N, C-alpha and C. Protein backbone atom coordinates (compact mmCIF):
# COMPACT_ATOMS: atom_id res chain seq x y z
N UNK A 1 12.91 -17.13 -3.09
CA UNK A 1 11.89 -17.50 -3.85
C UNK A 1 10.81 -18.04 -3.19
N UNK A 2 10.97 -18.77 -1.69
CA UNK A 2 9.91 -19.24 -1.17
C UNK A 2 8.71 -17.62 -0.73
N UNK A 3 9.57 -16.70 -0.31
CA UNK A 3 8.91 -15.28 0.04
C UNK A 3 8.08 -15.16 -1.45
N UNK A 4 8.88 -14.98 -2.52
CA UNK A 4 7.88 -14.43 -3.81
C UNK A 4 7.05 -15.63 -4.34
N UNK A 5 6.96 -16.66 -3.63
CA UNK A 5 5.91 -17.62 -4.14
C UNK A 5 4.49 -17.04 -3.10
N UNK A 6 5.18 -17.31 -2.07
CA UNK A 6 3.81 -16.85 -1.12
C UNK A 6 3.61 -15.33 -1.30
N UNK A 7 4.06 -14.34 -1.64
CA UNK A 7 3.28 -13.12 -1.84
C UNK A 7 2.75 -13.12 -3.08
N UNK A 8 2.63 -14.22 -4.29
CA UNK A 8 2.28 -14.11 -5.29
C UNK A 8 0.94 -14.85 -5.00
N UNK A 9 1.07 -16.26 -3.92
CA UNK A 9 -0.24 -16.62 -3.90
C UNK A 9 -1.21 -15.50 -3.16
N UNK A 10 -0.66 -14.92 -2.27
CA UNK A 10 -1.55 -13.94 -1.44
C UNK A 10 -1.93 -12.75 -2.13
N UNK A 11 -1.17 -12.22 -3.10
CA UNK A 11 -1.66 -11.06 -3.64
C UNK A 11 -2.69 -11.84 -4.89
N UNK A 12 -2.70 -12.99 -5.07
CA UNK A 12 -3.61 -13.46 -6.24
C UNK A 12 -5.17 -13.67 -5.73
N UNK A 13 -5.03 -13.37 -4.25
CA UNK A 13 -6.42 -13.18 -3.52
C UNK A 13 -6.80 -11.64 -3.60
N UNK A 14 -5.93 -10.52 -4.21
CA UNK A 14 -6.60 -9.22 -4.09
C UNK A 14 -6.38 -8.64 -5.59
N UNK A 15 -5.68 -9.12 -6.40
CA UNK A 15 -5.46 -8.50 -7.95
C UNK A 15 -6.65 -8.47 -8.64
N UNK A 16 -7.48 -9.33 -8.66
CA UNK A 16 -8.81 -9.23 -9.07
C UNK A 16 -9.57 -8.05 -8.99
N UNK A 17 -9.85 -8.03 -7.76
CA UNK A 17 -10.66 -6.47 -7.29
C UNK A 17 -9.56 -5.42 -7.52
N UNK A 18 -8.48 -5.26 -7.26
CA UNK A 18 -7.69 -4.06 -7.83
C UNK A 18 -8.19 -3.71 -9.15
N UNK A 19 -7.59 -4.78 -9.86
CA UNK A 19 -7.80 -4.50 -11.62
C UNK A 19 -9.07 -4.28 -11.83
N UNK A 20 -10.08 -4.87 -11.38
CA UNK A 20 -11.49 -4.22 -11.75
C UNK A 20 -11.92 -2.76 -11.19
N UNK A 21 -10.73 -2.19 -10.52
CA UNK A 21 -11.03 -1.04 -10.28
C UNK A 21 -9.98 -0.08 -10.78
N UNK A 22 -9.19 -0.42 -11.77
CA UNK A 22 -7.88 0.06 -12.39
C UNK A 22 -7.18 0.47 -11.26
N UNK A 23 -6.81 -0.53 -10.77
CA UNK A 23 -5.96 0.01 -9.22
C UNK A 23 -4.67 -1.08 -9.43
N UNK A 24 -3.20 -0.23 -9.60
CA UNK A 24 -1.93 -1.20 -8.95
C UNK A 24 -1.73 -1.62 -7.53
N UNK A 25 -1.06 -2.73 -7.26
CA UNK A 25 -0.98 -3.19 -5.83
C UNK A 25 -0.45 -1.63 -5.32
N UNK A 26 0.65 -1.06 -5.84
CA UNK A 26 1.32 -0.27 -5.28
C UNK A 26 0.25 1.16 -4.84
N UNK A 27 -0.61 1.50 -6.24
CA UNK A 27 -1.55 2.51 -5.64
C UNK A 27 -2.46 1.91 -4.68
N UNK A 28 -2.66 0.94 -4.54
CA UNK A 28 -3.53 0.79 -3.24
C UNK A 28 -3.04 0.97 -1.92
N UNK A 29 -1.55 0.42 -1.66
CA UNK A 29 -0.86 0.60 -0.59
C UNK A 29 -0.79 1.91 -0.32
N UNK A 30 -0.77 2.88 -1.43
CA UNK A 30 -0.60 4.20 -1.25
C UNK A 30 -2.00 5.13 -0.39
N UNK A 31 -2.90 4.23 -1.00
CA UNK A 31 -4.37 4.90 -0.73
C UNK A 31 -4.51 4.39 0.53
N UNK A 32 -4.02 3.05 1.11
CA UNK A 32 -4.49 2.57 2.21
C UNK A 32 -3.52 3.38 3.51
N UNK A 33 -2.37 3.56 2.92
CA UNK A 33 -1.61 4.42 4.05
C UNK A 33 -2.10 5.78 4.54
N UNK A 34 -2.85 6.10 3.04
CA UNK A 34 -3.35 7.90 3.48
C UNK A 34 -4.46 7.74 4.09
N UNK A 35 -5.29 6.68 4.50
CA UNK A 35 -6.15 6.47 5.21
C UNK A 35 -5.88 6.67 6.81
N UNK A 36 -4.69 6.25 7.06
CA UNK A 36 -4.33 6.21 8.60
C UNK A 36 -4.11 7.69 9.06
N UNK A 37 -4.20 8.76 8.33
CA UNK A 37 -3.74 9.84 8.78
C UNK A 37 -4.39 11.21 8.01
N UNK A 38 -4.32 12.08 8.25
CA UNK A 38 -4.90 13.46 7.75
C UNK A 38 -3.91 13.90 6.38
N UNK A 39 -2.94 13.37 6.65
CA UNK A 39 -1.84 13.86 5.46
C UNK A 39 -0.41 13.12 5.75
N UNK A 40 0.09 13.04 4.73
CA UNK A 40 1.62 12.84 4.79
C UNK A 40 2.74 13.51 3.84
N UNK A 41 3.70 13.65 3.91
CA UNK A 41 5.07 14.05 3.25
C UNK A 41 5.18 12.72 2.54
N UNK A 42 5.62 12.88 1.36
CA UNK A 42 6.12 11.94 0.29
C UNK A 42 6.81 10.81 1.17
N UNK A 43 7.99 11.65 1.93
CA UNK A 43 8.70 10.48 2.42
C UNK A 43 8.37 9.57 3.46
N UNK A 44 7.39 10.11 4.29
CA UNK A 44 6.67 9.40 5.11
C UNK A 44 5.98 8.24 4.60
N UNK A 45 5.31 8.82 3.42
CA UNK A 45 4.21 8.23 2.35
C UNK A 45 4.98 6.73 2.16
N UNK A 46 6.22 6.91 1.43
CA UNK A 46 7.01 6.26 1.02
C UNK A 46 7.50 5.15 1.92
N UNK A 47 7.86 5.26 2.93
CA UNK A 47 8.06 4.85 4.20
C UNK A 47 6.94 3.66 4.64
N UNK A 48 5.91 4.38 4.85
CA UNK A 48 4.79 3.66 4.98
C UNK A 48 4.53 2.75 3.84
N UNK A 49 4.54 3.05 2.91
CA UNK A 49 3.79 1.74 2.03
C UNK A 49 4.85 0.91 1.19
N UNK A 50 6.02 1.18 1.56
CA UNK A 50 7.14 0.55 1.31
C UNK A 50 7.57 0.62 -0.47
N UNK A 51 7.55 1.98 -0.90
CA UNK A 51 7.67 2.17 -2.41
C UNK A 51 8.97 3.24 -2.25
N UNK A 52 9.84 2.72 -3.26
CA UNK A 52 10.63 4.03 -3.79
C UNK A 52 10.24 5.27 -3.67
N UNK A 53 10.92 6.72 -3.46
CA UNK A 53 10.19 7.44 -3.97
C UNK A 53 9.97 8.06 -5.70
N UNK A 54 10.87 7.53 -6.47
CA UNK A 54 10.89 7.67 -7.95
C UNK A 54 9.65 6.94 -8.35
N UNK A 55 9.29 5.67 -7.64
CA UNK A 55 8.04 5.00 -7.79
C UNK A 55 7.05 5.68 -7.32
N UNK A 56 6.96 6.27 -6.13
CA UNK A 56 5.67 7.18 -5.49
C UNK A 56 5.46 8.13 -6.19
N UNK A 57 6.51 8.89 -6.81
CA UNK A 57 6.21 10.25 -7.43
C UNK A 57 5.02 9.39 -8.90
N UNK A 58 5.55 8.66 -9.50
CA UNK A 58 4.64 8.53 -10.57
C UNK A 58 3.57 7.83 -10.10
N UNK A 59 3.29 7.23 -8.84
CA UNK A 59 1.85 6.83 -8.34
C UNK A 59 1.12 7.76 -8.07
N UNK A 60 1.76 8.92 -7.44
CA UNK A 60 0.84 10.18 -7.16
C UNK A 60 0.32 10.78 -8.02
N UNK A 61 1.07 11.00 -9.21
CA UNK A 61 0.72 11.61 -10.06
C UNK A 61 -0.54 10.81 -10.86
N UNK A 62 -0.36 9.53 -10.90
CA UNK A 62 -1.59 8.93 -11.40
C UNK A 62 -3.02 8.89 -10.55
N UNK A 63 -2.73 8.76 -9.30
CA UNK A 63 -3.68 9.10 -8.50
C UNK A 63 -4.60 10.48 -8.14
N UNK A 64 -3.81 11.60 -8.59
CA UNK A 64 -3.95 12.87 -8.58
C UNK A 64 -5.06 13.27 -9.87
N UNK A 65 -4.35 12.48 -10.82
CA UNK A 65 -5.32 12.75 -12.06
C UNK A 65 -6.16 12.01 -11.93
N UNK A 66 -6.52 11.11 -11.14
CA UNK A 66 -7.90 10.37 -10.85
C UNK A 66 -8.76 11.12 -9.81
N UNK A 67 -8.25 12.22 -9.31
CA UNK A 67 -8.60 12.89 -7.95
C UNK A 67 -9.24 11.82 -6.83
N UNK A 68 -7.94 11.22 -6.47
CA UNK A 68 -8.44 10.12 -5.62
C UNK A 68 -7.43 10.62 -4.30
N UNK A 69 -6.30 11.48 -4.72
CA UNK A 69 -5.52 12.11 -3.54
C UNK A 69 -5.38 13.91 -3.95
N UNK A 70 -4.82 14.55 -3.11
CA UNK A 70 -4.80 15.51 -3.54
C UNK A 70 -3.11 16.18 -2.80
N UNK A 71 -2.86 17.25 -3.22
CA UNK A 71 -1.77 17.70 -2.72
C UNK A 71 -1.76 19.12 -2.02
N UNK A 72 -1.08 19.28 -0.98
CA UNK A 72 -1.01 20.44 -0.26
C UNK A 72 -0.55 21.64 -1.28
N UNK A 73 -0.23 22.98 -0.74
CA UNK A 73 0.02 24.22 -1.36
C UNK A 73 1.24 24.21 -2.12
N UNK A 74 2.26 23.28 -1.76
CA UNK A 74 3.62 23.32 -2.05
C UNK A 74 3.68 22.37 -3.71
N UNK A 75 3.14 22.77 -4.60
CA UNK A 75 2.83 22.26 -6.03
C UNK A 75 4.12 22.03 -6.39
N UNK A 76 5.00 22.58 -6.55
CA UNK A 76 6.64 22.50 -7.20
C UNK A 76 7.32 21.77 -7.05
N UNK A 77 7.34 21.32 -5.53
CA UNK A 77 7.98 20.13 -5.10
C UNK A 77 7.17 18.86 -4.12
N UNK A 78 7.11 18.11 -5.24
CA UNK A 78 5.91 17.13 -4.83
C UNK A 78 6.75 16.38 -3.52
N UNK A 79 7.83 16.31 -3.16
CA UNK A 79 8.30 15.97 -1.59
C UNK A 79 8.28 16.68 -0.61
N UNK A 80 8.09 17.70 -0.81
CA UNK A 80 7.73 18.60 0.47
C UNK A 80 6.16 18.84 0.65
N UNK A 81 5.17 18.42 -0.56
CA UNK A 81 3.98 18.52 -0.21
C UNK A 81 3.02 17.97 0.71
N UNK A 82 2.26 18.19 1.22
CA UNK A 82 1.17 17.30 2.07
C UNK A 82 0.22 16.57 1.38
N UNK A 83 0.58 15.38 1.27
CA UNK A 83 -0.74 14.46 0.46
C UNK A 83 -1.75 13.71 1.21
N UNK A 84 -2.73 13.81 0.97
CA UNK A 84 -4.17 13.30 1.35
C UNK A 84 -4.97 12.55 0.67
N UNK A 85 -5.61 11.66 1.00
CA UNK A 85 -6.51 11.27 0.44
C UNK A 85 -7.84 12.12 0.20
N UNK A 86 -8.65 12.28 -1.13
CA UNK A 86 -9.94 12.83 -1.28
C UNK A 86 -10.85 12.12 -1.07
N UNK A 87 -12.30 12.81 -0.91
CA UNK A 87 -13.51 11.65 -0.71
C UNK A 87 -13.66 10.96 -1.81
N UNK A 88 -13.18 11.30 -2.68
CA UNK A 88 -13.49 10.03 -4.05
C UNK A 88 -12.55 8.55 -3.74
N UNK A 89 -11.23 9.31 -3.10
CA UNK A 89 -10.32 8.02 -2.42
C UNK A 89 -10.83 7.17 -1.63
N UNK A 90 -11.52 7.81 -0.61
CA UNK A 90 -12.28 7.17 0.49
C UNK A 90 -13.25 6.23 0.16
N UNK A 91 -14.25 7.31 -1.01
CA UNK A 91 -15.49 6.22 -1.58
C UNK A 91 -14.47 4.85 -2.30
N UNK A 92 -13.33 5.17 -2.81
CA UNK A 92 -13.16 3.83 -3.39
C UNK A 92 -12.27 2.98 -2.47
N UNK A 93 -11.65 3.00 -1.58
CA UNK A 93 -11.66 2.42 -0.15
C UNK A 93 -12.70 1.74 0.24
N UNK A 94 -13.73 2.53 0.31
CA UNK A 94 -14.96 1.50 0.87
C UNK A 94 -15.59 0.77 0.26
N UNK A 95 -15.54 1.17 -1.34
CA UNK A 95 -15.98 -0.02 -1.90
C UNK A 95 -15.14 -1.23 -2.04
N UNK A 96 -14.11 -1.28 -2.01
CA UNK A 96 -12.68 -2.52 -2.35
C UNK A 96 -13.03 -2.99 -0.86
N UNK A 97 -12.96 -2.17 0.13
CA UNK A 97 -12.64 -2.79 1.47
C UNK A 97 -13.44 -4.00 1.83
N UNK A 98 -14.57 -4.08 1.67
CA UNK A 98 -15.27 -5.56 2.17
C UNK A 98 -14.71 -6.59 1.21
N UNK A 99 -14.15 -6.53 0.25
CA UNK A 99 -13.38 -7.53 -0.81
C UNK A 99 -12.30 -8.03 -0.16
N UNK A 100 -11.62 -6.83 -0.10
CA UNK A 100 -10.23 -7.01 0.76
C UNK A 100 -10.40 -7.63 1.91
N UNK A 101 -10.95 -7.42 2.89
CA UNK A 101 -11.33 -8.29 4.24
C UNK A 101 -11.75 -9.84 4.24
N UNK A 102 -12.45 -9.97 2.88
CA UNK A 102 -12.76 -11.39 2.61
C UNK A 102 -11.51 -11.89 2.65
N UNK A 103 -10.75 -11.46 1.59
CA UNK A 103 -9.64 -12.29 1.14
C UNK A 103 -8.89 -12.47 2.23
N UNK A 104 -8.74 -11.83 3.19
CA UNK A 104 -7.84 -11.56 4.39
C UNK A 104 -8.46 -12.95 5.22
N UNK A 105 -9.72 -12.81 5.35
CA UNK A 105 -10.77 -13.85 6.14
C UNK A 105 -10.36 -15.08 5.27
N UNK A 106 -10.32 -15.39 4.23
CA UNK A 106 -10.08 -16.73 3.70
C UNK A 106 -8.56 -16.95 3.79
N UNK A 107 -7.64 -15.86 3.86
CA UNK A 107 -6.02 -16.40 4.36
C UNK A 107 -5.98 -16.94 5.55
N UNK A 108 -6.90 -16.33 6.40
CA UNK A 108 -6.97 -16.81 7.95
C UNK A 108 -7.65 -17.98 7.99
N UNK A 109 -8.37 -17.81 7.18
CA UNK A 109 -9.03 -19.54 7.60
C UNK A 109 -8.28 -20.84 7.11
N UNK A 110 -7.54 -20.29 5.74
CA UNK A 110 -6.93 -21.43 5.12
C UNK A 110 -5.72 -21.71 5.86
N UNK A 111 -4.94 -20.47 6.60
CA UNK A 111 -3.53 -20.74 7.22
C UNK A 111 -3.81 -20.94 8.96
N UNK A 112 -4.78 -20.36 9.40
CA UNK A 112 -4.54 -20.40 10.75
C UNK A 112 -4.50 -19.00 11.46
N UNK A 113 -5.38 -18.68 12.14
CA UNK A 113 -5.14 -17.64 13.43
C UNK A 113 -3.79 -17.43 13.59
N UNK A 114 -3.56 -18.16 14.46
CA UNK A 114 -2.21 -18.04 15.44
C UNK A 114 -0.98 -18.45 14.25
N UNK A 115 -1.03 -19.04 13.29
CA UNK A 115 0.03 -19.13 12.56
C UNK A 115 0.28 -17.85 11.53
N UNK A 116 -0.96 -17.25 11.39
CA UNK A 116 -0.90 -16.06 10.61
C UNK A 116 -0.13 -15.00 11.44
N UNK A 117 -0.44 -14.73 12.70
CA UNK A 117 0.08 -14.00 13.67
C UNK A 117 1.48 -14.12 13.88
N UNK A 118 1.95 -15.72 13.70
CA UNK A 118 3.32 -15.80 14.04
C UNK A 118 4.09 -15.59 12.73
N UNK A 119 3.49 -15.73 11.51
CA UNK A 119 4.24 -15.52 10.17
C UNK A 119 4.09 -13.55 10.40
N UNK A 120 3.34 -12.91 10.44
CA UNK A 120 3.29 -11.63 10.54
C UNK A 120 4.67 -10.95 11.56
N UNK A 121 4.92 -11.90 12.62
CA UNK A 121 5.91 -11.38 14.06
C UNK A 121 7.03 -11.60 12.88
N UNK A 122 7.16 -12.90 12.60
CA UNK A 122 8.42 -13.43 12.01
C UNK A 122 8.83 -12.24 10.77
N UNK A 123 7.82 -12.21 10.01
CA UNK A 123 8.30 -11.25 8.82
C UNK A 123 8.78 -9.83 9.11
N UNK A 124 7.97 -9.12 10.44
CA UNK A 124 8.71 -8.13 10.94
C UNK A 124 9.73 -8.24 11.28
N UNK A 125 10.06 -9.25 12.24
CA UNK A 125 11.51 -9.22 12.39
C UNK A 125 12.72 -9.51 11.58
N UNK A 126 12.41 -10.48 10.52
CA UNK A 126 13.41 -10.33 9.15
C UNK A 126 13.62 -9.29 8.56
N UNK A 127 12.54 -8.26 8.21
CA UNK A 127 12.57 -7.01 7.61
C UNK A 127 13.28 -6.00 8.44
N UNK A 128 13.05 -5.99 9.74
CA UNK A 128 13.85 -5.14 10.94
C UNK A 128 15.25 -5.44 10.61
N UNK A 129 15.60 -6.73 10.88
CA UNK A 129 17.13 -7.31 10.58
C UNK A 129 17.82 -6.91 9.61
N UNK A 130 17.29 -6.92 8.35
CA UNK A 130 17.70 -6.73 7.47
C UNK A 130 17.76 -5.47 6.61
N UNK A 131 16.97 -4.42 7.01
CA UNK A 131 17.21 -2.85 7.04
C UNK A 131 17.72 -2.39 8.01
N UNK A 132 17.95 -0.89 7.64
CA UNK A 132 18.56 -0.04 8.65
C UNK A 132 17.10 1.10 9.03
N UNK A 133 16.05 0.94 8.48
CA UNK A 133 14.84 1.43 8.43
C UNK A 133 14.89 2.94 7.45
N UNK A 134 15.97 2.91 6.70
CA UNK A 134 16.06 4.63 6.21
C UNK A 134 15.25 4.42 4.93
N UNK A 135 15.51 3.27 3.83
CA UNK A 135 14.92 3.48 2.73
C UNK A 135 13.88 2.04 2.22
N UNK A 136 12.56 2.35 1.89
CA UNK A 136 11.96 1.52 1.85
C UNK A 136 12.54 0.13 0.79
N UNK A 137 11.85 -0.98 1.25
CA UNK A 137 12.17 -2.01 0.10
C UNK A 137 11.06 -2.07 -0.59
N UNK A 138 11.42 -2.05 -1.72
CA UNK A 138 10.30 -1.86 -2.81
C UNK A 138 9.69 -3.37 -3.14
N UNK A 139 8.81 -3.54 -2.77
CA UNK A 139 8.02 -5.16 -3.03
C UNK A 139 7.70 -5.23 -4.67
N UNK A 140 7.38 -4.19 -5.19
CA UNK A 140 7.20 -4.26 -6.84
C UNK A 140 7.35 -3.25 -7.24
N UNK A 141 8.40 -2.91 -8.72
CA UNK A 141 8.39 -1.91 -8.68
C UNK A 141 7.07 -1.44 -10.22
N UNK A 142 6.53 -0.23 -10.33
CA UNK A 142 5.78 -0.14 -11.23
C UNK A 142 6.58 0.31 -12.45
């Protein structure tokens, strides 16, 4: 319950801007993950964004419909396709990023940089000791 309460408090800083741009938290995680490389296969993207494959498939369809992402040549099997962010997706990230950075700055100011760094480290350790790394832990089903 404490982890969920903290998550809700943190996400309260970000939900309004995501909703203003008609994005879910999961869609935002996927778009952010796609900015870290030229493209990913769905399995890699699921792992990076901590989203299950069934949820990811729905999210990718919605993002593709909005022309925020594109798939490689393998249209018949989404899991085998190379998924990348489009110029429109990058523009949306650029539009939202200053608001997101402000939210992180507010959290850091309220909680303290050193304590936040310790919290990140401890949460990573918790996730590592509770999972074997093969299946993403879904934070929130869509």
